[in-house]
Protein backbone atom coordinates (compact mmCIF):
# COMPACT_ATOMS: atom_id res chain seq x y z
CA MET A 1 187.41 157.36 104.42
CA GLN A 2 188.75 153.93 105.38
CA ASN A 3 187.10 154.24 108.80
CA ALA A 4 183.82 155.24 107.17
CA ALA A 5 183.92 152.20 104.87
CA ALA A 6 184.74 149.90 107.80
CA GLU A 7 181.90 151.46 109.81
CA GLN A 8 179.44 150.80 106.99
CA ARG A 9 180.59 147.18 106.58
CA LEU A 10 180.08 146.57 110.31
CA LEU A 11 176.62 148.12 110.21
CA LYS A 12 175.67 145.92 107.23
CA LEU A 13 176.84 142.82 109.12
CA SER A 14 174.93 143.93 112.21
CA ILE A 15 171.75 144.44 110.21
CA ALA A 16 172.04 140.99 108.62
CA VAL A 17 172.59 139.23 111.97
CA THR A 18 169.83 141.26 113.59
CA VAL A 19 167.32 140.24 110.93
CA VAL A 20 168.17 136.58 111.53
CA VAL A 21 167.87 136.97 115.32
CA SER A 22 164.57 138.80 114.88
CA ALA A 23 163.14 136.01 112.76
CA PHE A 24 164.28 133.46 115.36
CA GLY A 25 162.68 135.51 118.14
CA VAL A 26 159.28 135.75 116.50
CA LEU A 27 159.30 132.05 115.50
CA PHE A 28 160.46 130.66 118.84
CA GLY A 29 158.28 133.14 120.75
CA LEU A 30 155.18 131.79 119.02
CA LEU A 31 156.28 128.16 119.43
CA SER A 32 157.10 128.50 123.13
CA GLY A 33 154.35 130.96 124.07
CA SER A 34 156.91 133.29 125.69
CA MET A 35 156.16 137.00 125.79
CA SER A 36 159.82 137.72 126.58
CA ILE A 37 161.07 135.89 123.50
CA LEU A 38 158.45 137.51 121.28
CA PHE A 39 159.44 140.91 122.66
CA ASP A 40 163.09 140.07 122.02
CA GLY A 41 162.27 139.32 118.40
CA VAL A 42 160.34 142.55 117.95
CA PHE A 43 163.14 144.45 119.71
CA SER A 44 165.62 142.96 117.25
CA ALA A 45 163.45 143.91 114.27
CA ILE A 46 163.25 147.53 115.41
CA ASP A 47 166.98 147.46 116.14
CA ALA A 48 167.61 146.33 112.55
CA ALA A 49 165.61 149.31 111.31
CA MET A 50 167.65 151.61 113.55
CA SER A 51 170.90 150.12 112.23
CA GLY A 52 169.67 150.65 108.68
CA LEU A 53 169.01 154.30 109.46
CA ALA A 54 172.48 154.59 111.02
CA LEU A 55 174.02 153.08 107.87
CA PHE A 56 172.22 155.63 105.69
CA VAL A 57 173.43 158.53 107.84
CA SER A 58 176.96 157.10 107.96
CA ARG A 59 177.08 157.28 104.17
CA LEU A 60 175.47 160.70 104.11
CA VAL A 61 177.87 162.41 106.54
CA THR A 62 180.92 161.31 104.52
CA ARG A 63 179.72 163.20 101.45
CA VAL A 64 181.05 166.60 100.48
CA ALA A 65 178.31 169.23 100.58
CA GLU A 66 176.70 169.03 97.14
CA ASN A 67 174.17 171.85 97.19
CA ARG A 68 173.55 175.29 98.56
CA ARG A 69 171.11 174.03 101.20
CA PHE A 70 173.69 172.00 103.19
CA GLN A 71 176.88 173.97 102.71
CA PHE A 72 178.34 172.77 106.04
CA GLY A 73 177.64 169.13 105.22
CA TYR A 74 175.35 166.64 106.97
CA TRP A 75 177.09 166.17 110.32
CA HIS A 76 174.18 167.62 112.26
CA ILE A 77 172.03 164.62 111.27
CA GLU A 78 174.30 162.18 113.12
CA PRO A 79 173.49 163.25 116.72
CA MET A 80 169.81 163.55 115.78
CA VAL A 81 169.78 159.89 114.71
CA LEU A 82 171.73 158.82 117.80
CA ALA A 83 169.23 160.59 120.04
CA PHE A 84 166.32 159.01 118.18
CA ASN A 85 167.87 155.52 118.32
CA GLY A 86 168.70 155.76 122.01
CA GLY A 87 165.31 157.21 122.84
CA THR A 88 163.61 154.40 120.96
CA LEU A 89 165.51 151.78 122.97
CA MET A 90 164.46 153.50 126.19
CA LEU A 91 160.80 153.57 125.14
CA LEU A 92 160.94 149.90 124.14
CA CYS A 93 162.25 148.97 127.57
CA PHE A 94 159.52 151.00 129.26
CA TYR A 95 156.81 149.39 127.13
CA ALA A 96 158.17 145.91 127.85
CA PHE A 97 158.18 146.66 131.57
CA LEU A 98 154.50 147.62 131.51
CA ASN A 99 153.64 144.43 129.66
CA ALA A 100 155.65 142.36 132.14
CA VAL A 101 153.84 143.92 135.10
CA ASP A 102 150.49 143.30 133.43
CA SER A 103 151.41 139.64 132.90
CA LEU A 104 152.51 139.27 136.53
CA LEU A 105 149.21 140.66 137.78
CA ALA A 106 147.35 138.29 135.46
CA GLY A 107 149.05 135.21 136.95
CA GLY A 108 152.01 134.80 134.63
CA ARG A 109 152.28 132.74 131.44
CA GLN A 110 152.62 129.05 130.66
CA LEU A 111 155.34 128.27 128.13
CA ASP A 112 157.30 125.45 126.54
CA PHE A 113 160.70 125.65 128.25
CA ASP A 114 162.48 123.37 125.75
CA TRP A 115 161.82 125.73 122.85
CA ALA A 116 162.56 128.73 125.03
CA MET A 117 165.96 127.47 126.21
CA ALA A 118 166.98 126.39 122.70
CA TYR A 119 166.25 129.92 121.48
CA ALA A 120 168.09 131.53 124.39
CA VAL A 121 171.27 129.52 123.78
CA LEU A 122 171.39 130.31 120.05
CA VAL A 123 170.68 134.02 120.48
CA CYS A 124 173.17 134.39 123.36
CA LEU A 125 175.92 133.10 121.10
CA ALA A 126 174.92 135.50 118.31
CA CYS A 127 174.54 138.57 120.56
CA PHE A 128 177.74 138.22 122.56
CA GLY A 129 179.65 137.24 119.44
CA MET A 130 178.58 140.48 117.72
CA PHE A 131 179.21 142.50 120.89
CA PHE A 132 182.83 141.40 121.26
CA TYR A 133 183.51 141.58 117.51
CA GLU A 134 182.11 145.10 117.10
CA ARG A 135 183.80 146.36 120.26
CA HIS A 136 187.14 145.04 119.02
CA ARG A 137 186.73 146.62 115.56
CA ASN A 138 185.47 149.92 116.97
CA ARG A 139 188.67 150.47 118.95
CA ARG A 140 190.17 151.48 115.63
CA ILE A 141 187.12 152.96 113.91
CA ASP A 142 185.91 154.97 116.97
CA SER A 143 182.36 155.38 115.64
CA ASP A 144 179.46 156.57 117.81
CA PHE A 145 177.09 154.57 115.63
CA ILE A 146 179.05 151.35 116.16
CA ARG A 147 179.34 152.15 119.87
CA LEU A 148 175.55 152.44 120.16
CA ASP A 149 175.09 149.29 118.11
CA THR A 150 177.54 147.48 120.40
CA GLN A 151 175.47 148.57 123.42
CA SER A 152 172.38 147.26 121.70
CA TRP A 153 173.98 143.82 121.21
CA LEU A 154 175.04 143.83 124.85
CA MET A 155 171.49 144.67 125.92
CA SER A 156 170.08 141.88 123.77
CA GLY A 157 172.67 139.40 125.03
CA ALA A 158 172.02 140.32 128.66
CA ILE A 159 168.25 139.98 128.20
CA THR A 160 168.60 136.60 126.54
CA SER A 161 171.10 135.33 129.13
CA ALA A 162 168.78 136.21 131.96
CA LEU A 163 165.91 134.56 130.12
CA LEU A 164 167.99 131.41 129.75
CA VAL A 165 168.73 131.34 133.48
CA ALA A 166 165.09 132.00 134.36
CA PHE A 167 163.81 129.36 131.96
CA ALA A 168 166.30 126.79 133.30
CA ILE A 169 165.29 127.49 136.91
CA ALA A 170 161.58 127.51 136.11
CA SER A 171 161.82 124.20 134.22
CA THR A 172 163.32 122.54 137.31
CA LEU A 173 160.26 123.56 139.32
CA LYS A 174 157.99 121.25 137.37
CA GLY A 175 156.72 118.42 139.53
CA THR A 176 157.77 120.12 142.77
CA ALA A 177 155.88 121.98 145.46
CA TYR A 178 156.93 125.24 143.81
CA GLN A 179 155.49 124.47 140.39
CA TYR A 180 152.98 127.30 140.78
CA LEU A 181 155.86 129.80 140.51
CA ALA A 182 156.94 128.66 137.02
CA PRO A 183 154.47 130.85 135.06
CA TYR A 184 155.88 133.96 136.74
CA ALA A 185 159.46 133.38 135.52
CA ASP A 186 158.97 134.87 132.06
CA PRO A 187 157.39 138.23 133.03
CA ALA A 188 159.42 138.62 136.25
CA VAL A 189 162.78 138.44 134.49
CA LEU A 190 161.58 140.72 131.71
CA ALA A 191 160.41 143.33 134.21
CA PHE A 192 163.73 143.25 136.09
CA LEU A 193 165.87 143.50 132.97
CA THR A 194 163.93 146.35 131.42
CA LEU A 195 164.34 148.36 134.62
CA VAL A 196 168.10 147.79 134.54
CA LEU A 197 168.74 148.10 130.79
CA VAL A 198 166.68 151.24 130.25
CA PHE A 199 169.64 153.20 131.61
CA VAL A 200 172.13 151.84 129.05
CA PRO A 201 171.24 154.24 126.18
CA ILE A 202 170.86 157.27 128.48
CA ARG A 203 174.53 158.24 128.10
CA THR A 204 174.25 158.12 124.30
CA VAL A 205 171.08 160.22 124.29
CA ARG A 206 172.63 162.79 126.65
CA LYS A 207 175.77 163.07 124.51
CA ALA A 208 173.71 163.43 121.34
CA LEU A 209 171.55 166.16 122.90
CA GLU A 210 174.68 168.05 123.95
CA GLU A 211 175.81 168.07 120.32
CA ILE A 212 172.38 169.04 119.00
CA LEU A 213 172.32 171.95 121.46
CA LEU A 214 175.94 172.87 120.56
CA ILE A 215 177.13 172.57 124.17
CA THR A 216 180.88 173.18 124.21
CA PRO A 217 182.92 169.99 124.80
CA PRO A 218 185.20 170.78 127.79
CA GLY A 219 188.18 168.76 126.55
CA LEU A 220 188.36 170.43 123.14
CA ASP A 221 187.76 173.88 124.63
CA ALA A 222 190.58 173.41 127.13
CA ARG A 223 192.94 172.23 124.39
CA VAL A 224 192.24 175.24 122.18
CA ARG A 225 192.63 177.67 125.09
CA GLN A 226 195.91 176.09 126.13
CA VAL A 227 197.30 176.42 122.61
CA MET A 228 196.12 180.01 122.26
CA ASP A 229 197.51 181.08 125.64
CA GLU A 230 200.90 179.84 124.46
CA MET A 231 200.52 181.65 121.12
CA VAL A 232 199.60 184.93 122.80
CA ALA A 233 202.74 184.74 124.95
CA ARG A 234 204.96 183.70 122.04
CA HIS A 235 203.79 186.22 119.43
CA GLY A 236 202.80 189.12 121.66
CA PHE A 237 199.13 189.20 120.70
CA LYS A 238 196.75 191.38 122.74
CA THR A 239 194.07 188.80 123.40
CA TYR A 240 191.82 186.31 121.64
CA THR A 241 188.40 184.70 121.74
CA SER A 242 187.68 181.09 120.82
CA TYR A 243 184.51 179.13 120.16
CA VAL A 244 184.33 175.35 119.76
CA ALA A 245 181.57 172.83 119.12
CA LYS A 246 181.31 169.16 118.23
CA VAL A 247 178.49 167.96 116.00
CA GLY A 248 178.61 164.27 115.23
CA ARG A 249 182.12 163.48 114.03
CA ALA A 250 182.77 167.10 113.03
CA GLN A 251 184.65 169.66 115.11
CA PHE A 252 184.05 173.38 114.58
CA ILE A 253 186.70 175.76 115.94
CA GLU A 254 186.70 179.55 115.56
CA ILE A 255 189.58 181.69 116.85
CA HIS A 256 189.67 185.48 116.66
CA ILE A 257 192.98 187.14 117.54
CA ALA A 258 193.54 190.81 118.45
CA VAL A 259 197.03 191.95 117.42
CA PRO A 260 198.81 195.19 118.44
CA PRO A 261 199.18 197.97 115.84
CA GLN A 262 202.92 197.26 115.54
CA SER A 263 202.30 193.58 114.83
CA PRO A 264 204.80 191.95 112.43
CA ILE A 265 201.90 190.31 110.60
CA ASP A 266 202.21 192.49 107.52
CA SER A 267 201.40 189.94 104.83
CA VAL A 268 199.03 187.11 104.05
CA GLY A 269 201.98 184.72 104.07
CA LYS A 270 202.88 185.54 107.68
CA ALA A 271 199.24 185.24 108.76
CA ASP A 272 199.01 181.84 107.07
CA ALA A 273 202.22 180.70 108.78
CA ILE A 274 200.73 181.51 112.20
CA ARG A 275 197.49 179.79 111.22
CA ARG A 276 199.46 176.68 110.32
CA GLU A 277 201.34 176.85 113.63
CA ILE A 278 198.07 177.04 115.57
CA ALA A 279 196.44 174.29 113.51
CA ASP A 280 199.37 171.92 114.07
CA ALA A 281 199.41 172.66 117.81
CA ILE A 282 195.68 171.92 118.17
CA GLY A 283 196.03 168.67 116.20
CA GLY A 284 193.28 166.47 114.81
CA GLU A 285 193.40 167.93 111.32
CA GLY A 286 191.24 166.15 108.77
CA PRO A 287 188.08 166.40 106.68
CA ASN A 288 185.91 166.50 109.82
CA ARG A 289 187.55 169.59 111.34
CA TRP A 290 186.48 173.14 110.45
CA LEU A 291 189.05 175.64 111.71
CA THR A 292 188.67 179.39 111.24
CA ILE A 293 191.40 181.81 112.42
CA ASP A 294 191.29 185.56 111.79
CA PHE A 295 193.30 188.57 112.92
CA THR A 296 192.22 192.12 113.78
CA ALA A 297 193.79 195.24 115.26
CA ASP A 298 190.44 196.33 116.71
CA PRO A 299 189.33 194.28 119.77
CA LYS A 300 185.72 195.30 119.09
CA TRP A 301 185.67 192.70 116.32
CA LEU A 302 186.31 189.85 118.78
């Protein structure tokens, strides 16, 4: 619960800073005439909405199931939101790239470099400050939502840094033989960055889709199998089957054990003792782990 509260506080801070950055982006984009800055402001506004949705889901998944419709809780919503958030970032990058190419073909854009560079400096400080702060805090919280939000701040900081460099170079071209290249700085940098940064959320989207599709996580599956192989040898069980899945922050583990007819498990107490032994060996016990262990003398039930 402490991690959940810390996660929600970080998301609230991120939303507040994002709203400020978004307002700066729209204002300075209009003042400077920069498509890149205006896009950055709109990107930040949509990112704030995504962070708000993540905050809502973060609160939702920590609840105990309160009705008969969601008896297993709300964990399945978490990867759905992560996939939606990551997919939205990818689409935004693609849309920005198309606009950048269109601007390049149209001869670029004239802009006020003083306003543009002032914006870039301020936003760089905000973005990289949030990136390093969230990354440091998330080492303890270990939240997928915070991890995606951290990537978003890194993307924003990288975009703005490149814009700052491009604006600085383009401003030095004024009054030189290469002045005609200055209008192309804004769309050229935007096109390059969107091509590079579109791949940042791909890993998050892929991971979220694996959880939505209930693809077995190899690490957890190997751990459960290792523990059960040892238990079979130690207690003389016939065999077992195991099924694992990870959905959001929840782990679902089912283990079905076939015991011989002469098994010493002749009471509920002994069965519970073996369950406790298996649970302790697997590790990771907590409110987010669902562990089911049953015993049968008929292998057909496995």
